[in-house]
Amino acid sequence: MPDFSATPVRTDAEVDAWLHYFDMRAPITHVGTLVSGDLGLDLRVQHFHGFSQHGDGGHYHYDTTPGEVHYEGYFALAGSVVRVDAPAETHAVGRD
């Protein structure tokens, strides 16, 4: 991921132009969050960070080989959601 943008990133197209995408080698482990909706807290409904023992890592955005990929998931339910450090300006990015 590049340094923070010098200008606000407000659309999916602006995010795609700003981010760098890479294929990663398996195995890779991700940790992240899933929420059932925005809940009025200006949240992304999913956000995952990956790491590996072989040096690959970063944010997960989508599969490049959906017919070949294999996932194994372990989940824990939260009792509440708390928003820390809400942005001054909001957008619709990540509200998929």
PDB file of N, CA and C in Angstrom:
ATOM      1  N   MET A   1       0.850  -1.166   0.000  1.00  0.00           N
ATOM      2  CA  MET A   1       0.000   0.000   0.000  1.00  0.00           C
ATOM      3  C   MET A   1       0.895   1.229   0.000  1.00  0.00           C
ATOM      4  N   PRO A   2       0.609   2.196  -0.849  1.00  0.00           N
ATOM      5  CA  PRO A   2       1.419   3.407  -0.876  1.00  0.00           C
ATOM      6  C   PRO A   2       1.161   4.273   0.357  1.00  0.00           C
ATOM      7  N   ASP A   3       1.975   5.318   0.505  1.00  0.00           N
ATOM      8  CA  ASP A   3       1.752   6.263   1.595  1.00  0.00           C
ATOM      9  C   ASP A   3       0.345   6.833   1.498  1.00  0.00           C
ATOM     10  N   PHE A   4      -0.126   7.431   2.587  1.00  0.00           N
ATOM     11  CA  PHE A   4      -1.451   8.033   2.565  1.00  0.00           C
ATOM     12  C   PHE A   4      -1.545   9.040   1.428  1.00  0.00           C
ATOM     13  N   SER A   5      -2.704   9.087   0.810  1.00  0.00           N
ATOM     14  CA  SER A   5      -2.931   9.987  -0.311  1.00  0.00           C
ATOM     15  C   SER A   5      -2.858  11.441   0.152  1.00  0.00           C
ATOM     16  N   ALA A   6      -2.269  12.287  -0.683  1.00  0.00           N
ATOM     17  CA  ALA A   6      -2.181  13.715  -0.368  1.00  0.00           C
ATOM     18  C   ALA A   6      -3.547  14.391  -0.485  1.00  0.00           C
ATOM     19  N   THR A   7      -4.459  13.767  -1.229  1.00  0.00           N
ATOM     20  CA  THR A   7      -5.813  14.294  -1.386  1.00  0.00           C
ATOM     21  C   THR A   7      -6.806  13.228  -0.936  1.00  0.00           C
ATOM     22  N   PRO A   8      -8.000  13.626  -0.517  1.00  0.00           N
ATOM     23  CA  PRO A   8      -8.990  12.632  -0.087  1.00  0.00           C
ATOM     24  C   PRO A   8      -9.319  11.629  -1.194  1.00  0.00           C
ATOM     25  N   VAL A   9      -9.509  10.371  -0.815  1.00  0.00           N
ATOM     26  CA  VAL A   9      -9.894   9.305  -1.736  1.00  0.00           C
ATOM     27  C   VAL A   9     -11.356   9.010  -1.439  1.00  0.00           C
ATOM     28  N   ARG A  10     -12.249   9.372  -2.375  1.00  0.00           N
ATOM     29  CA  ARG A  10     -13.684   9.339  -2.080  1.00  0.00           C
ATOM     30  C   ARG A  10     -14.487   8.322  -2.881  1.00  0.00           C
ATOM     31  N   THR A  11     -13.892   7.727  -3.914  1.00  0.00           N
ATOM     32  CA  THR A  11     -14.653   6.790  -4.744  1.00  0.00           C
ATOM     33  C   THR A  11     -13.869   5.491  -4.914  1.00  0.00           C
ATOM     34  N   ASP A  12     -14.572   4.438  -5.317  1.00  0.00           N
ATOM     35  CA  ASP A  12     -13.895   3.169  -5.589  1.00  0.00           C
ATOM     36  C   ASP A  12     -12.857   3.333  -6.696  1.00  0.00           C
ATOM     37  N   ALA A  13     -13.162   4.130  -7.715  1.00  0.00           N
ATOM     38  CA  ALA A  13     -12.216   4.351  -8.813  1.00  0.00           C
ATOM     39  C   ALA A  13     -10.954   5.052  -8.305  1.00  0.00           C
ATOM     40  N   GLU A  14     -11.103   6.014  -7.406  1.00  0.00           N
ATOM     41  CA  GLU A  14      -9.935   6.699  -6.838  1.00  0.00           C
ATOM     42  C   GLU A  14      -9.110   5.746  -5.975  1.00  0.00           C
ATOM     43  N   VAL A  15      -9.773   4.853  -5.246  1.00  0.00           N
ATOM     44  CA  VAL A  15      -9.057   3.851  -4.450  1.00  0.00           C
ATOM     45  C   VAL A  15      -8.261   2.937  -5.371  1.00  0.00           C
ATOM     46  N   ASP A  16      -8.893   2.445  -6.435  1.00  0.00           N
ATOM     47  CA  ASP A  16      -8.206   1.552  -7.373  1.00  0.00           C
ATOM     48  C   ASP A  16      -7.008   2.230  -8.035  1.00  0.00           C
ATOM     49  N   ALA A  17      -7.120   3.520  -8.312  1.00  0.00           N
ATOM     50  CA  ALA A  17      -6.006   4.249  -8.920  1.00  0.00           C
ATOM     51  C   ALA A  17      -4.869   4.462  -7.922  1.00  0.00           C
ATOM     52  N   TRP A  18      -5.184   4.539  -6.644  1.00  0.00           N
ATOM     53  CA  TRP A  18      -4.189   4.809  -5.601  1.00  0.00           C
ATOM     54  C   TRP A  18      -3.490   3.539  -5.118  1.00  0.00           C
ATOM     55  N   LEU A  19      -4.241   2.438  -4.963  1.00  0.00           N
ATOM     56  CA  LEU A  19      -3.669   1.196  -4.439  1.00  0.00           C
ATOM     57  C   LEU A  19      -2.803   0.478  -5.468  1.00  0.00           C
ATOM     58  N   HIS A  20      -1.947  -0.385  -4.972  1.00  0.00           N
ATOM     59  CA  HIS A  20      -1.157  -1.286  -5.812  1.00  0.00           C
ATOM     60  C   HIS A  20      -1.625  -2.705  -5.513  1.00  0.00           C
ATOM     61  N   TYR A  21      -1.881  -3.490  -6.548  1.00  0.00           N
ATOM     62  CA  TYR A  21      -2.373  -4.854  -6.371  1.00  0.00           C
ATOM     63  C   TYR A  21      -1.292  -5.854  -6.751  1.00  0.00           C
ATOM     64  N   PHE A  22      -1.182  -6.938  -5.970  1.00  0.00           N
ATOM     65  CA  PHE A  22      -0.187  -7.974  -6.207  1.00  0.00           C
ATOM     66  C   PHE A  22      -0.807  -9.344  -5.984  1.00  0.00           C
ATOM     67  N   ASP A  23      -0.359 -10.326  -6.739  1.00  0.00           N
ATOM     68  CA  ASP A  23      -0.704 -11.713  -6.441  1.00  0.00           C
ATOM     69  C   ASP A  23       0.220 -12.187  -5.333  1.00  0.00           C
ATOM     70  N   MET A  24      -0.316 -12.968  -4.412  1.00  0.00           N
ATOM     71  CA  MET A  24       0.479 -13.481  -3.297  1.00  0.00           C
ATOM     72  C   MET A  24       0.547 -14.993  -3.363  1.00  0.00           C
ATOM     73  N   ARG A  25       1.638 -15.524  -2.865  1.00  0.00           N
ATOM     74  CA  ARG A  25       1.845 -16.971  -2.857  1.00  0.00           C
ATOM     75  C   ARG A  25       1.231 -17.591  -1.605  1.00  0.00           C
ATOM     76  N   ALA A  26       0.701 -18.774  -1.764  1.00  0.00           N
ATOM     77  CA  ALA A  26       0.179 -19.524  -0.620  1.00  0.00           C
ATOM     78  C   ALA A  26       1.346 -20.185   0.110  1.00  0.00           C
ATOM     79  N   PRO A  27       1.186 -20.476   1.373  1.00  0.00           N
ATOM     80  CA  PRO A  27       0.050 -20.111   2.221  1.00  0.00           C
ATOM     81  C   PRO A  27       0.194 -18.686   2.740  1.00  0.00           C
ATOM     82  N   ILE A  28      -0.935 -18.087   3.026  1.00  0.00           N
ATOM     83  CA  ILE A  28      -0.956 -16.754   3.617  1.00  0.00           C
ATOM     84  C   ILE A  28      -2.082 -16.723   4.646  1.00  0.00           C
ATOM     85  N   THR A  29      -1.835 -16.074   5.749  1.00  0.00           N
ATOM     86  CA  THR A  29      -2.802 -15.993   6.843  1.00  0.00           C
ATOM     87  C   THR A  29      -3.337 -14.569   6.913  1.00  0.00           C
ATOM     88  N   HIS A  30      -4.645 -14.451   7.051  1.00  0.00           N
ATOM     89  CA  HIS A  30      -5.270 -13.131   7.167  1.00  0.00           C
ATOM     90  C   HIS A  30      -6.017 -13.016   8.487  1.00  0.00           C
ATOM     91  N   VAL A  31      -6.031 -11.835   9.016  1.00  0.00           N
ATOM     92  CA  VAL A  31      -6.862 -11.508  10.171  1.00  0.00           C
ATOM     93  C   VAL A  31      -7.692 -10.295   9.781  1.00  0.00           C
ATOM     94  N   GLY A  32      -8.900 -10.227  10.270  1.00  0.00           N
ATOM     95  CA  GLY A  32      -9.724  -9.100   9.873  1.00  0.00           C
ATOM     96  C   GLY A  32     -11.046  -9.052  10.589  1.00  0.00           C
ATOM     97  N   THR A  33     -11.911  -8.227  10.045  1.00  0.00           N
ATOM     98  CA  THR A  33     -13.229  -8.038  10.630  1.00  0.00           C
ATOM     99  C   THR A  33     -14.301  -8.142   9.549  1.00  0.00           C
ATOM    100  N   LEU A  34     -15.440  -8.638   9.948  1.00  0.00           N
ATOM    101  CA  LEU A  34     -16.657  -8.634   9.140  1.00  0.00           C
ATOM    102  C   LEU A  34     -17.752  -8.051  10.021  1.00  0.00           C
ATOM    103  N   VAL A  35     -18.526  -7.133   9.493  1.00  0.00           N
ATOM    104  CA  VAL A  35     -19.682  -6.623  10.234  1.00  0.00           C
ATOM    105  C   VAL A  35     -20.916  -6.784   9.364  1.00  0.00           C
ATOM    106  N   SER A  36     -22.060  -6.885   9.994  1.00  0.00           N
ATOM    107  CA  SER A  36     -23.298  -7.138   9.255  1.00  0.00           C
ATOM    108  C   SER A  36     -23.778  -5.919   8.484  1.00  0.00           C
ATOM    109  N   GLY A  37     -23.230  -4.765   8.766  1.00  0.00           N
ATOM    110  CA  GLY A  37     -23.592  -3.535   8.070  1.00  0.00           C
ATOM    111  C   GLY A  37     -22.803  -2.382   8.652  1.00  0.00           C
ATOM    112  N   ASP A  38     -23.001  -1.205   8.109  1.00  0.00           N
ATOM    113  CA  ASP A  38     -22.268  -0.027   8.562  1.00  0.00           C
ATOM    114  C   ASP A  38     -22.616   0.341  10.000  1.00  0.00           C
ATOM    115  N   LEU A  39     -23.832   0.076  10.428  1.00  0.00           N
ATOM    116  CA  LEU A  39     -24.313   0.353  11.788  1.00  0.00           C
ATOM    117  C   LEU A  39     -24.285   1.838  12.135  1.00  0.00           C
ATOM    118  N   GLY A  40     -24.214   2.700  11.106  1.00  0.00           N
ATOM    119  CA  GLY A  40     -24.170   4.139  11.341  1.00  0.00           C
ATOM    120  C   GLY A  40     -22.844   4.625  11.894  1.00  0.00           C
ATOM    121  N   LEU A  41     -21.797   3.794  11.812  1.00  0.00           N
ATOM    122  CA  LEU A  41     -20.494   4.144  12.385  1.00  0.00           C
ATOM    123  C   LEU A  41     -19.421   4.419  11.332  1.00  0.00           C
ATOM    124  N   ASP A  42     -19.806   4.506  10.058  1.00  0.00           N
ATOM    125  CA  ASP A  42     -18.856   4.755   8.972  1.00  0.00           C
ATOM    126  C   ASP A  42     -17.804   3.648   8.915  1.00  0.00           C
ATOM    127  N   LEU A  43     -18.272   2.392   8.870  1.00  0.00           N
ATOM    128  CA  LEU A  43     -17.391   1.226   8.885  1.00  0.00           C
ATOM    129  C   LEU A  43     -17.270   0.587   7.514  1.00  0.00           C
ATOM    130  N   ARG A  44     -16.153  -0.058   7.269  1.00  0.00           N
ATOM    131  CA  ARG A  44     -16.046  -0.989   6.147  1.00  0.00           C
ATOM    132  C   ARG A  44     -16.719  -2.280   6.606  1.00  0.00           C
ATOM    133  N   VAL A  45     -17.461  -2.932   5.725  1.00  0.00           N
ATOM    134  CA  VAL A  45     -18.136  -4.158   6.145  1.00  0.00           C
ATOM    135  C   VAL A  45     -17.173  -5.339   6.224  1.00  0.00           C
ATOM    136  N   GLN A  46     -16.020  -5.236   5.558  1.00  0.00           N
ATOM    137  CA  GLN A  46     -14.972  -6.247   5.709  1.00  0.00           C
ATOM    138  C   GLN A  46     -13.624  -5.578   5.514  1.00  0.00           C
ATOM    139  N   HIS A  47     -12.629  -6.060   6.245  1.00  0.00           N
ATOM    140  CA  HIS A  47     -11.271  -5.509   6.125  1.00  0.00           C
ATOM    141  C   HIS A  47     -10.291  -6.549   6.650  1.00  0.00           C
ATOM    142  N   PHE A  48      -9.355  -6.983   5.798  1.00  0.00           N
ATOM    143  CA  PHE A  48      -8.420  -8.046   6.173  1.00  0.00           C
ATOM    144  C   PHE A  48      -6.981  -7.672   5.852  1.00  0.00           C
ATOM    145  N   HIS A  49      -6.082  -8.047   6.749  1.00  0.00           N
ATOM    146  CA  HIS A  49      -4.639  -7.882   6.567  1.00  0.00           C
ATOM    147  C   HIS A  49      -4.007  -9.267   6.531  1.00  0.00           C
ATOM    148  N   GLY A  50      -3.065  -9.473   5.599  1.00  0.00           N
ATOM    149  CA  GLY A  50      -2.433 -10.779   5.467  1.00  0.00           C
ATOM    150  C   GLY A  50      -0.947 -10.741   5.756  1.00  0.00           C
ATOM    151  N   PHE A  51      -0.428 -11.893   6.173  1.00  0.00           N
ATOM    152  CA  PHE A  51       1.005 -12.043   6.412  1.00  0.00           C
ATOM    153  C   PHE A  51       1.388 -13.485   6.119  1.00  0.00           C
ATOM    154  N   SER A  52       2.675 -13.725   5.933  1.00  0.00           N
ATOM    155  CA  SER A  52       3.144 -15.075   5.631  1.00  0.00           C
ATOM    156  C   SER A  52       4.549 -15.261   6.181  1.00  0.00           C
ATOM    157  N   GLN A  53       5.001 -16.498   6.177  1.00  0.00           N
ATOM    158  CA  GLN A  53       6.371 -16.813   6.583  1.00  0.00           C
ATOM    159  C   GLN A  53       7.354 -16.580   5.435  1.00  0.00           C
ATOM    160  N   HIS A  54       6.849 -16.355   4.216  1.00  0.00           N
ATOM    161  CA  HIS A  54       7.727 -16.186   3.057  1.00  0.00           C
ATOM    162  C   HIS A  54       7.791 -14.749   2.553  1.00  0.00           C
ATOM    163  N   GLY A  55       7.271 -13.802   3.335  1.00  0.00           N
ATOM    164  CA  GLY A  55       7.442 -12.391   3.002  1.00  0.00           C
ATOM    165  C   GLY A  55       6.293 -11.720   2.284  1.00  0.00           C
ATOM    166  N   ASP A  56       5.289 -12.461   1.822  1.00  0.00           N
ATOM    167  CA  ASP A  56       4.135 -11.832   1.185  1.00  0.00           C
ATOM    168  C   ASP A  56       3.168 -11.353   2.264  1.00  0.00           C
ATOM    169  N   GLY A  57       2.496 -10.261   1.996  1.00  0.00           N
ATOM    170  CA  GLY A  57       1.516  -9.754   2.944  1.00  0.00           C
ATOM    171  C   GLY A  57       0.876  -8.483   2.432  1.00  0.00           C
ATOM    172  N   GLY A  58      -0.157  -8.048   3.110  1.00  0.00           N
ATOM    173  CA  GLY A  58      -0.843  -6.816   2.736  1.00  0.00           C
ATOM    174  C   GLY A  58      -2.333  -6.926   2.990  1.00  0.00           C
ATOM    175  N   HIS A  59      -3.078  -6.020   2.390  1.00  0.00           N
ATOM    176  CA  HIS A  59      -4.531  -6.018   2.508  1.00  0.00           C
ATOM    177  C   HIS A  59      -5.133  -6.998   1.507  1.00  0.00           C
ATOM    178  N   TYR A  60      -6.215  -7.645   1.906  1.00  0.00           N
ATOM    179  CA  TYR A  60      -6.955  -8.504   0.981  1.00  0.00           C
ATOM    180  C   TYR A  60      -8.033  -7.658   0.320  1.00  0.00           C
ATOM    181  N   HIS A  61      -8.130  -7.747  -1.009  1.00  0.00           N
ATOM    182  CA  HIS A  61      -9.188  -7.030  -1.724  1.00  0.00           C
ATOM    183  C   HIS A  61     -10.106  -7.972  -2.485  1.00  0.00           C
ATOM    184  N   TYR A  62      -9.558  -8.915  -3.232  1.00  0.00           N
ATOM    185  CA  TYR A  62     -10.381  -9.888  -3.948  1.00  0.00           C
ATOM    186  C   TYR A  62      -9.490 -10.991  -4.493  1.00  0.00           C
ATOM    187  N   ASP A  63     -10.127 -12.099  -4.892  1.00  0.00           N
ATOM    188  CA  ASP A  63      -9.399 -13.231  -5.464  1.00  0.00           C
ATOM    189  C   ASP A  63      -9.037 -12.960  -6.913  1.00  0.00           C
ATOM    190  N   THR A  64      -7.854 -13.403  -7.298  1.00  0.00           N
ATOM    191  CA  THR A  64      -7.489 -13.366  -8.715  1.00  0.00           C
ATOM    192  C   THR A  64      -7.657 -14.745  -9.343  1.00  0.00           C
ATOM    193  N   THR A  65      -7.811 -15.775  -8.504  1.00  0.00           N
ATOM    194  CA  THR A  65      -8.042 -17.142  -8.991  1.00  0.00           C
ATOM    195  C   THR A  65      -9.174 -17.777  -8.174  1.00  0.00           C
ATOM    196  N   PRO A  66     -10.393 -17.247  -8.278  1.00  0.00           N
ATOM    197  CA  PRO A  66     -11.477 -17.736  -7.420  1.00  0.00           C
ATOM    198  C   PRO A  66     -11.807 -19.216  -7.604  1.00  0.00           C
ATOM    199  N   GLY A  67     -11.511 -19.796  -8.753  1.00  0.00           N
ATOM    200  CA  GLY A  67     -11.783 -21.209  -8.964  1.00  0.00           C
ATOM    201  C   GLY A  67     -10.753 -22.128  -8.324  1.00  0.00           C
ATOM    202  N   GLU A  68      -9.625 -21.573  -7.901  1.00  0.00           N
ATOM    203  CA  GLU A  68      -8.539 -22.385  -7.356  1.00  0.00           C
ATOM    204  C   GLU A  68      -8.272 -22.149  -5.874  1.00  0.00           C
ATOM    205  N   VAL A  69      -8.684 -21.017  -5.359  1.00  0.00           N
ATOM    206  CA  VAL A  69      -8.340 -20.644  -3.991  1.00  0.00           C
ATOM    207  C   VAL A  69      -9.071 -21.523  -2.974  1.00  0.00           C
ATOM    208  N   HIS A  70      -8.456 -21.718  -1.836  1.00  0.00           N
ATOM    209  CA  HIS A  70      -9.055 -22.493  -0.742  1.00  0.00           C
ATOM    210  C   HIS A  70      -8.968 -21.652   0.529  1.00  0.00           C
ATOM    211  N   TYR A  71     -10.075 -21.550   1.235  1.00  0.00           N
ATOM    212  CA  TYR A  71     -10.104 -20.802   2.486  1.00  0.00           C
ATOM    213  C   TYR A  71     -10.438 -21.728   3.638  1.00  0.00           C
ATOM    214  N   GLU A  72      -9.891 -21.413   4.776  1.00  0.00           N
ATOM    215  CA  GLU A  72     -10.270 -22.067   6.018  1.00  0.00           C
ATOM    216  C   GLU A  72     -10.464 -20.939   7.019  1.00  0.00           C
ATOM    217  N   GLY A  73     -11.645 -20.828   7.594  1.00  0.00           N
ATOM    218  CA  GLY A  73     -11.945 -19.690   8.449  1.00  0.00           C
ATOM    219  C   GLY A  73     -12.269 -20.071   9.875  1.00  0.00           C
ATOM    220  N   TYR A  74     -11.863 -19.222  10.780  1.00  0.00           N
ATOM    221  CA  TYR A  74     -12.179 -19.342  12.201  1.00  0.00           C
ATOM    222  C   TYR A  74     -12.738 -17.992  12.631  1.00  0.00           C
ATOM    223  N   PHE A  75     -13.894 -17.993  13.243  1.00  0.00           N
ATOM    224  CA  PHE A  75     -14.571 -16.741  13.547  1.00  0.00           C
ATOM    225  C   PHE A  75     -14.983 -16.676  15.011  1.00  0.00           C
ATOM    226  N   ALA A  76     -15.003 -15.484  15.545  1.00  0.00           N
ATOM    227  CA  ALA A  76     -15.491 -15.228  16.898  1.00  0.00           C
ATOM    228  C   ALA A  76     -16.463 -14.056  16.816  1.00  0.00           C
ATOM    229  N   LEU A  77     -17.571 -14.160  17.496  1.00  0.00           N
ATOM    230  CA  LEU A  77     -18.582 -13.105  17.474  1.00  0.00           C
ATOM    231  C   LEU A  77     -18.287 -12.050  18.532  1.00  0.00           C
ATOM    232  N   ALA A  78     -18.477 -10.806  18.151  1.00  0.00           N
ATOM    233  CA  ALA A  78     -18.281  -9.696  19.087  1.00  0.00           C
ATOM    234  C   ALA A  78     -19.599  -9.372  19.777  1.00  0.00           C
ATOM    235  N   GLY A  79     -19.504  -8.900  20.988  1.00  0.00           N
ATOM    236  CA  GLY A  79     -20.691  -8.483  21.723  1.00  0.00           C
ATOM    237  C   GLY A  79     -21.087  -7.054  21.424  1.00  0.00           C
ATOM    238  N   SER A  80     -20.145  -6.258  20.898  1.00  0.00           N
ATOM    239  CA  SER A  80     -20.436  -4.867  20.561  1.00  0.00           C
ATOM    240  C   SER A  80     -19.426  -4.371  19.535  1.00  0.00           C
ATOM    241  N   VAL A  81     -19.740  -3.235  18.934  1.00  0.00           N
ATOM    242  CA  VAL A  81     -18.855  -2.588  17.968  1.00  0.00           C
ATOM    243  C   VAL A  81     -18.605  -1.171  18.449  1.00  0.00           C
ATOM    244  N   VAL A  82     -17.345  -0.762  18.459  1.00  0.00           N
ATOM    245  CA  VAL A  82     -16.972   0.583  18.887  1.00  0.00           C
ATOM    246  C   VAL A  82     -16.157   1.227  17.779  1.00  0.00           C
ATOM    247  N   ARG A  83     -16.506   2.434  17.385  1.00  0.00           N
ATOM    248  CA  ARG A  83     -15.756   3.161  16.361  1.00  0.00           C
ATOM    249  C   ARG A  83     -14.765   4.083  17.059  1.00  0.00           C
ATOM    250  N   VAL A  84     -13.488   3.949  16.714  1.00  0.00           N
ATOM    251  CA  VAL A  84     -12.436   4.797  17.264  1.00  0.00           C
ATOM    252  C   VAL A  84     -11.901   5.670  16.141  1.00  0.00           C
ATOM    253  N   ASP A  85     -11.761   6.945  16.385  1.00  0.00           N
ATOM    254  CA  ASP A  85     -11.133   7.865  15.438  1.00  0.00           C
ATOM    255  C   ASP A  85     -11.883   7.929  14.108  1.00  0.00           C
ATOM    256  N   ALA A  86     -13.139   8.304  14.153  1.00  0.00           N
ATOM    257  CA  ALA A  86     -13.945   8.425  12.932  1.00  0.00           C
ATOM    258  C   ALA A  86     -13.376   9.519  12.027  1.00  0.00           C
ATOM    259  N   PRO A  87     -13.444   9.330  10.702  1.00  0.00           N
ATOM    260  CA  PRO A  87     -12.901  10.336   9.783  1.00  0.00           C
ATOM    261  C   PRO A  87     -13.737  11.614   9.775  1.00  0.00           C
ATOM    262  N   ALA A  88     -13.077  12.731   9.494  1.00  0.00           N
ATOM    263  CA  ALA A  88     -13.784  14.018   9.415  1.00  0.00           C
ATOM    264  C   ALA A  88     -14.698  14.053   8.196  1.00  0.00           C
ATOM    265  N   GLU A  89     -14.245  13.446   7.083  1.00  0.00           N
ATOM    266  CA  GLU A  89     -15.044  13.355   5.862  1.00  0.00           C
ATOM    267  C   GLU A  89     -15.338  11.889   5.596  1.00  0.00           C
ATOM    268  N   THR A  90     -16.553  11.586   5.183  1.00  0.00           N
ATOM    269  CA  THR A  90     -16.913  10.200   4.909  1.00  0.00           C
ATOM    270  C   THR A  90     -17.082   9.974   3.411  1.00  0.00           C
ATOM    271  N   HIS A  91     -17.298   8.739   3.028  1.00  0.00           N
ATOM    272  CA  HIS A  91     -17.415   8.342   1.630  1.00  0.00           C
ATOM    273  C   HIS A  91     -18.143   7.006   1.585  1.00  0.00           C
ATOM    274  N   ALA A  92     -18.337   6.469   0.400  1.00  0.00           N
ATOM    275  CA  ALA A  92     -19.017   5.180   0.256  1.00  0.00           C
ATOM    276  C   ALA A  92     -18.035   4.046  -0.024  1.00  0.00           C
ATOM    277  N   VAL A  93     -16.747   4.308   0.032  1.00  0.00           N
ATOM    278  CA  VAL A  93     -15.740   3.299  -0.278  1.00  0.00           C
ATOM    279  C   VAL A  93     -15.757   2.199   0.773  1.00  0.00           C
ATOM    280  N   GLY A  94     -15.751   0.951   0.318  1.00  0.00           N
ATOM    281  CA  GLY A  94     -15.720  -0.181   1.234  1.00  0.00           C
ATOM    282  C   GLY A  94     -17.061  -0.548   1.827  1.00  0.00           C
ATOM    283  N   ARG A  95     -18.127   0.014   1.317  1.00  0.00           N
ATOM    284  CA  ARG A  95     -19.454  -0.278   1.857  1.00  0.00           C
ATOM    285  C   ARG A  95     -20.147  -1.392   1.079  1.00  0.00           C
ATOM    286  N   ASP A  96     -19.345  -2.246   0.433  1.00  0.00           N
ATOM    287  CA  ASP A  96     -19.905  -3.303  -0.395  1.00  0.00           C
ATOM    288  C   ASP A  96     -20.772  -4.204   0.427  1.00  0.00           C
TER     289      ASP A  96
END
